[in-house]
């Protein structure tokens, strides 16, 4: 991943509404949600939400597919994992023992770091 692409993704997530919408779609992956359900769950007017969903789609973080008269939005889990890998690729200059200590200090559940 290039810095330019990463910047575009972080710019899309800089809005609290877009961040909440993306996290909601991650929770409902891989099926995604239709726009009306996203608006209802986030308690947002549909017109406000459509602006934010458009930004997420343009960044590549979300895909949209027409289903009859509805639009179904899905989080791009591969891109999410790619951006996480981009952020952590050079963590601790390749010293796994240092990373292990930092993970333990973070308070994040150890299961989060285990490969499936």
N, C-alpha and C. Protein backbone atom coordinates (compact mmCIF):
# COMPACT_ATOMS: atom_id res chain seq x y z
N UNK A 1 0.84 -1.18 0.00
CA UNK A 1 0.00 0.00 0.00
C UNK A 1 0.89 1.24 0.00
N UNK A 2 0.50 2.20 -0.77
CA UNK A 2 1.22 3.46 -0.86
C UNK A 2 0.69 4.45 0.18
N UNK A 3 1.52 5.39 0.60
CA UNK A 3 1.11 6.40 1.57
C UNK A 3 -0.09 7.20 1.08
N UNK A 4 -0.13 7.46 -0.21
CA UNK A 4 -1.22 8.24 -0.78
C UNK A 4 -2.57 7.52 -0.59
N UNK A 5 -2.58 6.21 -0.86
CA UNK A 5 -3.80 5.43 -0.68
C UNK A 5 -4.19 5.37 0.79
N UNK A 6 -3.20 5.18 1.66
CA UNK A 6 -3.47 5.14 3.10
C UNK A 6 -4.04 6.47 3.56
N UNK A 7 -3.50 7.56 3.07
CA UNK A 7 -4.00 8.88 3.43
C UNK A 7 -5.46 9.07 3.03
N UNK A 8 -5.81 8.58 1.86
CA UNK A 8 -7.19 8.66 1.37
C UNK A 8 -8.13 7.89 2.31
N UNK A 9 -7.67 6.74 2.76
CA UNK A 9 -8.48 5.92 3.66
C UNK A 9 -8.65 6.61 5.01
N UNK A 10 -7.57 7.14 5.56
CA UNK A 10 -7.67 7.81 6.86
C UNK A 10 -8.49 9.09 6.76
N UNK A 11 -8.41 9.75 5.64
CA UNK A 11 -9.23 10.94 5.43
C UNK A 11 -10.72 10.57 5.46
N UNK A 12 -11.06 9.45 4.85
CA UNK A 12 -12.45 9.00 4.85
C UNK A 12 -12.92 8.66 6.26
N UNK A 13 -12.04 8.15 7.09
CA UNK A 13 -12.42 7.76 8.45
C UNK A 13 -12.30 8.91 9.46
N UNK A 14 -11.88 10.09 9.00
CA UNK A 14 -11.69 11.22 9.89
C UNK A 14 -13.01 11.79 10.40
N UNK A 15 -14.10 11.45 9.75
CA UNK A 15 -15.42 11.89 10.19
C UNK A 15 -15.99 10.88 11.18
N UNK A 16 -16.52 11.36 12.28
CA UNK A 16 -17.11 10.48 13.29
C UNK A 16 -18.26 9.65 12.69
N UNK A 17 -19.06 10.26 11.84
CA UNK A 17 -20.18 9.53 11.22
C UNK A 17 -19.66 8.43 10.31
N UNK A 18 -18.65 8.74 9.48
CA UNK A 18 -18.11 7.71 8.58
C UNK A 18 -17.43 6.59 9.37
N UNK A 19 -16.73 6.95 10.43
CA UNK A 19 -16.09 5.95 11.26
C UNK A 19 -17.15 5.03 11.90
N UNK A 20 -18.21 5.62 12.43
CA UNK A 20 -19.30 4.82 13.02
C UNK A 20 -19.96 3.93 11.97
N UNK A 21 -20.18 4.46 10.79
CA UNK A 21 -20.81 3.68 9.72
C UNK A 21 -19.90 2.53 9.30
N UNK A 22 -18.62 2.79 9.16
CA UNK A 22 -17.70 1.73 8.76
C UNK A 22 -17.64 0.64 9.83
N UNK A 23 -17.54 1.03 11.09
CA UNK A 23 -17.50 0.03 12.17
C UNK A 23 -18.78 -0.79 12.21
N UNK A 24 -19.90 -0.16 11.95
CA UNK A 24 -21.18 -0.87 11.90
C UNK A 24 -21.16 -1.90 10.78
N UNK A 25 -20.66 -1.50 9.61
CA UNK A 25 -20.59 -2.44 8.48
C UNK A 25 -19.60 -3.56 8.74
N UNK A 26 -18.54 -3.29 9.47
CA UNK A 26 -17.60 -4.35 9.85
C UNK A 26 -18.32 -5.35 10.75
N UNK A 27 -19.12 -4.84 11.67
CA UNK A 27 -19.86 -5.71 12.58
C UNK A 27 -20.82 -6.61 11.81
N UNK A 28 -21.40 -6.10 10.73
CA UNK A 28 -22.37 -6.86 9.96
C UNK A 28 -21.76 -7.56 8.73
N UNK A 29 -20.45 -7.62 8.69
CA UNK A 29 -19.77 -8.31 7.57
C UNK A 29 -20.02 -9.80 7.68
N UNK A 30 -20.07 -10.50 6.60
CA UNK A 30 -19.89 -10.05 5.22
C UNK A 30 -21.18 -9.60 4.54
N UNK A 31 -22.33 -9.77 5.21
CA UNK A 31 -23.61 -9.47 4.57
C UNK A 31 -23.84 -7.99 4.31
N UNK A 32 -23.36 -7.13 5.18
CA UNK A 32 -23.58 -5.71 5.03
C UNK A 32 -24.99 -5.32 5.44
N UNK A 33 -25.33 -4.09 5.13
CA UNK A 33 -26.64 -3.55 5.48
C UNK A 33 -27.15 -2.66 4.36
N UNK A 34 -28.46 -2.54 4.27
CA UNK A 34 -29.02 -1.57 3.33
C UNK A 34 -28.99 -0.20 4.01
N UNK A 35 -29.01 0.83 3.19
CA UNK A 35 -28.84 2.20 3.67
C UNK A 35 -29.85 2.55 4.77
N UNK A 36 -31.09 2.14 4.60
CA UNK A 36 -32.11 2.47 5.60
C UNK A 36 -31.80 1.88 6.96
N UNK A 37 -31.26 0.66 6.97
CA UNK A 37 -30.90 0.03 8.25
C UNK A 37 -29.70 0.74 8.88
N UNK A 38 -28.77 1.17 8.07
CA UNK A 38 -27.61 1.91 8.60
C UNK A 38 -28.10 3.20 9.24
N UNK A 39 -28.96 3.92 8.54
CA UNK A 39 -29.49 5.19 9.06
C UNK A 39 -30.23 4.95 10.37
N UNK A 40 -31.05 3.91 10.41
CA UNK A 40 -31.83 3.61 11.62
C UNK A 40 -30.91 3.25 12.79
N UNK A 41 -29.93 2.39 12.55
CA UNK A 41 -29.03 1.96 13.62
C UNK A 41 -28.13 3.09 14.13
N UNK A 42 -27.76 4.00 13.23
CA UNK A 42 -26.92 5.13 13.63
C UNK A 42 -27.75 6.35 14.03
N UNK A 43 -29.07 6.24 13.89
CA UNK A 43 -29.99 7.34 14.23
C UNK A 43 -29.63 8.62 13.47
N UNK A 44 -29.51 8.45 12.14
CA UNK A 44 -29.17 9.57 11.27
C UNK A 44 -30.22 9.74 10.19
N UNK A 45 -30.43 10.97 9.73
CA UNK A 45 -31.30 11.17 8.57
C UNK A 45 -30.64 10.55 7.33
N UNK A 46 -31.45 9.92 6.49
CA UNK A 46 -30.93 9.24 5.30
C UNK A 46 -30.11 10.17 4.40
N UNK A 47 -30.55 11.43 4.27
CA UNK A 47 -29.82 12.36 3.39
C UNK A 47 -28.42 12.64 3.92
N UNK A 48 -28.28 12.79 5.22
CA UNK A 48 -26.97 13.02 5.83
C UNK A 48 -26.10 11.78 5.65
N UNK A 49 -26.68 10.61 5.87
CA UNK A 49 -25.93 9.37 5.76
C UNK A 49 -25.42 9.13 4.34
N UNK A 50 -26.23 9.42 3.34
CA UNK A 50 -25.82 9.13 1.96
C UNK A 50 -24.55 9.87 1.59
N UNK A 51 -24.38 11.09 2.09
CA UNK A 51 -23.16 11.86 1.86
C UNK A 51 -21.95 11.11 2.42
N UNK A 52 -22.09 10.59 3.62
CA UNK A 52 -20.98 9.90 4.28
C UNK A 52 -20.70 8.53 3.64
N UNK A 53 -21.75 7.83 3.26
CA UNK A 53 -21.55 6.54 2.59
C UNK A 53 -20.83 6.72 1.27
N UNK A 54 -21.16 7.79 0.56
CA UNK A 54 -20.48 8.08 -0.71
C UNK A 54 -18.97 8.26 -0.48
N UNK A 55 -18.59 8.95 0.59
CA UNK A 55 -17.17 9.13 0.91
C UNK A 55 -16.48 7.81 1.21
N UNK A 56 -17.18 6.93 1.92
CA UNK A 56 -16.60 5.61 2.24
C UNK A 56 -16.45 4.76 0.98
N UNK A 57 -17.43 4.84 0.09
CA UNK A 57 -17.36 4.09 -1.16
C UNK A 57 -16.20 4.61 -2.02
N UNK A 58 -16.06 5.93 -2.10
CA UNK A 58 -14.98 6.52 -2.90
C UNK A 58 -13.60 6.13 -2.37
N UNK A 59 -13.49 5.92 -1.07
CA UNK A 59 -12.20 5.54 -0.49
C UNK A 59 -11.87 4.07 -0.72
N UNK A 60 -12.88 3.27 -1.08
CA UNK A 60 -12.69 1.84 -1.27
C UNK A 60 -12.97 1.02 -0.02
N UNK A 61 -13.20 1.68 1.10
CA UNK A 61 -13.48 0.97 2.35
C UNK A 61 -14.83 0.27 2.35
N UNK A 62 -15.73 0.74 1.51
CA UNK A 62 -17.08 0.19 1.45
C UNK A 62 -17.45 -0.02 -0.01
N UNK A 63 -18.16 -1.11 -0.26
CA UNK A 63 -18.71 -1.35 -1.60
C UNK A 63 -20.22 -1.21 -1.51
N UNK A 64 -20.84 -0.94 -2.64
CA UNK A 64 -22.29 -0.80 -2.69
C UNK A 64 -22.81 -1.62 -3.86
N UNK A 65 -23.95 -2.24 -3.64
CA UNK A 65 -24.57 -3.09 -4.66
C UNK A 65 -26.07 -2.86 -4.62
N UNK A 66 -26.65 -2.68 -5.78
CA UNK A 66 -28.09 -2.47 -5.85
C UNK A 66 -28.80 -3.80 -5.65
N UNK A 67 -29.83 -3.78 -4.80
CA UNK A 67 -30.71 -4.92 -4.58
C UNK A 67 -32.13 -4.44 -4.76
N UNK A 68 -32.65 -4.59 -5.96
CA UNK A 68 -33.99 -4.06 -6.24
C UNK A 68 -33.96 -2.55 -6.11
N UNK A 69 -34.75 -2.03 -5.20
CA UNK A 69 -34.77 -0.57 -5.01
C UNK A 69 -33.87 -0.12 -3.85
N UNK A 70 -33.14 -1.05 -3.27
CA UNK A 70 -32.27 -0.75 -2.14
C UNK A 70 -30.81 -0.78 -2.55
N UNK A 71 -29.98 -0.12 -1.75
CA UNK A 71 -28.53 -0.16 -1.92
C UNK A 71 -27.96 -0.91 -0.72
N UNK A 72 -27.21 -1.97 -0.95
CA UNK A 72 -26.57 -2.72 0.14
C UNK A 72 -25.11 -2.31 0.21
N UNK A 73 -24.68 -1.94 1.40
CA UNK A 73 -23.31 -1.50 1.64
C UNK A 73 -22.58 -2.57 2.44
N UNK A 74 -21.34 -2.82 2.04
CA UNK A 74 -20.51 -3.82 2.72
C UNK A 74 -19.12 -3.23 2.98
N UNK A 75 -18.59 -3.53 4.15
CA UNK A 75 -17.21 -3.13 4.47
C UNK A 75 -16.25 -3.99 3.67
N UNK A 76 -15.20 -3.38 3.18
CA UNK A 76 -14.14 -4.13 2.50
C UNK A 76 -13.17 -4.62 3.58
N UNK A 77 -13.43 -5.82 4.06
CA UNK A 77 -12.59 -6.39 5.11
C UNK A 77 -11.15 -6.57 4.62
N UNK A 78 -10.93 -7.03 3.37
CA UNK A 78 -9.53 -7.13 2.91
C UNK A 78 -8.79 -5.79 2.96
N UNK A 79 -9.46 -4.70 2.59
CA UNK A 79 -8.79 -3.39 2.63
C UNK A 79 -8.56 -2.96 4.07
N UNK A 80 -9.50 -3.24 4.95
CA UNK A 80 -9.32 -2.92 6.37
C UNK A 80 -8.08 -3.64 6.90
N UNK A 81 -7.96 -4.93 6.59
CA UNK A 81 -6.80 -5.69 7.05
C UNK A 81 -5.50 -5.19 6.42
N UNK A 82 -5.60 -4.75 5.17
CA UNK A 82 -4.42 -4.21 4.49
C UNK A 82 -3.94 -2.92 5.16
N UNK A 83 -4.88 -2.08 5.58
CA UNK A 83 -4.48 -0.82 6.23
C UNK A 83 -3.89 -1.10 7.61
N UNK A 84 -4.42 -2.11 8.30
CA UNK A 84 -3.84 -2.50 9.59
C UNK A 84 -2.42 -3.02 9.38
N UNK A 85 -2.24 -3.84 8.36
CA UNK A 85 -0.90 -4.36 8.05
C UNK A 85 0.05 -3.23 7.68
N UNK A 86 -0.44 -2.25 6.93
CA UNK A 86 0.37 -1.09 6.55
C UNK A 86 0.85 -0.36 7.80
N UNK A 87 -0.04 -0.19 8.76
CA UNK A 87 0.32 0.54 9.98
C UNK A 87 1.31 -0.22 10.85
N UNK A 88 1.24 -1.53 10.82
CA UNK A 88 2.04 -2.32 11.74
C UNK A 88 3.24 -3.01 11.10
N UNK A 89 3.41 -2.85 9.81
CA UNK A 89 4.46 -3.58 9.08
C UNK A 89 5.86 -3.37 9.66
N UNK A 90 6.14 -2.20 10.12
CA UNK A 90 7.49 -1.93 10.60
C UNK A 90 7.54 -1.71 12.10
N UNK A 91 6.54 -2.23 12.78
CA UNK A 91 6.45 -2.06 14.23
C UNK A 91 7.70 -2.61 14.92
N UNK A 92 8.24 -1.81 15.78
CA UNK A 92 9.38 -2.20 16.63
C UNK A 92 10.60 -2.65 15.81
N UNK A 93 10.73 -2.17 14.61
CA UNK A 93 11.87 -2.49 13.75
C UNK A 93 12.16 -3.98 13.65
N UNK A 94 11.09 -4.76 13.59
CA UNK A 94 11.25 -6.21 13.43
C UNK A 94 11.71 -6.93 14.68
N UNK A 95 11.49 -6.35 15.84
CA UNK A 95 11.88 -7.00 17.11
C UNK A 95 10.61 -7.54 17.77
N UNK A 96 10.28 -8.80 17.52
CA UNK A 96 9.03 -9.35 18.04
C UNK A 96 8.90 -9.31 19.55
N UNK A 97 10.01 -9.41 20.26
CA UNK A 97 9.94 -9.39 21.73
C UNK A 97 9.46 -8.02 22.22
N UNK A 98 9.84 -6.97 21.54
CA UNK A 98 9.39 -5.61 21.89
C UNK A 98 7.90 -5.48 21.61
N UNK A 99 7.47 -5.95 20.45
CA UNK A 99 6.05 -5.90 20.11
C UNK A 99 5.22 -6.68 21.11
N UNK A 100 5.71 -7.82 21.54
CA UNK A 100 4.99 -8.66 22.50
C UNK A 100 4.75 -7.87 23.79
N UNK A 101 5.76 -7.18 24.28
CA UNK A 101 5.63 -6.39 25.51
C UNK A 101 4.63 -5.25 25.32
N UNK A 102 4.68 -4.60 24.18
CA UNK A 102 3.75 -3.50 23.91
C UNK A 102 2.32 -3.99 23.79
N UNK A 103 2.13 -5.17 23.16
CA UNK A 103 0.79 -5.74 23.08
C UNK A 103 0.24 -6.03 24.47
N UNK A 104 1.08 -6.61 25.32
CA UNK A 104 0.65 -6.93 26.69
C UNK A 104 0.30 -5.65 27.44
N UNK A 105 1.07 -4.60 27.26
CA UNK A 105 0.83 -3.33 27.94
C UNK A 105 -0.42 -2.62 27.41
N UNK A 106 -0.85 -2.96 26.21
CA UNK A 106 -1.99 -2.27 25.61
C UNK A 106 -3.31 -2.61 26.28
N UNK A 107 -3.37 -3.76 26.92
CA UNK A 107 -4.62 -4.17 27.55
C UNK A 107 -5.61 -4.80 26.59
N UNK A 108 -5.24 -4.94 25.32
CA UNK A 108 -6.10 -5.58 24.34
C UNK A 108 -6.02 -7.08 24.57
N UNK A 109 -7.18 -7.74 24.51
CA UNK A 109 -7.24 -9.18 24.77
C UNK A 109 -6.25 -9.93 23.86
N UNK A 110 -5.49 -10.86 24.42
CA UNK A 110 -4.50 -11.61 23.64
C UNK A 110 -5.11 -12.34 22.44
N UNK A 111 -6.38 -12.76 22.54
CA UNK A 111 -7.01 -13.48 21.44
C UNK A 111 -7.06 -12.63 20.16
N UNK A 112 -7.08 -11.32 20.34
CA UNK A 112 -7.13 -10.41 19.19
C UNK A 112 -5.91 -10.58 18.31
N UNK A 113 -4.78 -10.93 18.89
CA UNK A 113 -3.53 -11.00 18.15
C UNK A 113 -3.23 -12.37 17.57
N UNK A 114 -4.05 -13.34 17.90
CA UNK A 114 -3.81 -14.69 17.40
C UNK A 114 -4.40 -14.84 16.01
N UNK A 115 -3.65 -15.53 15.16
CA UNK A 115 -4.14 -15.81 13.80
C UNK A 115 -5.28 -16.82 13.89
N UNK A 116 -6.29 -16.67 13.01
CA UNK A 116 -7.42 -17.60 13.03
C UNK A 116 -7.01 -19.00 12.62
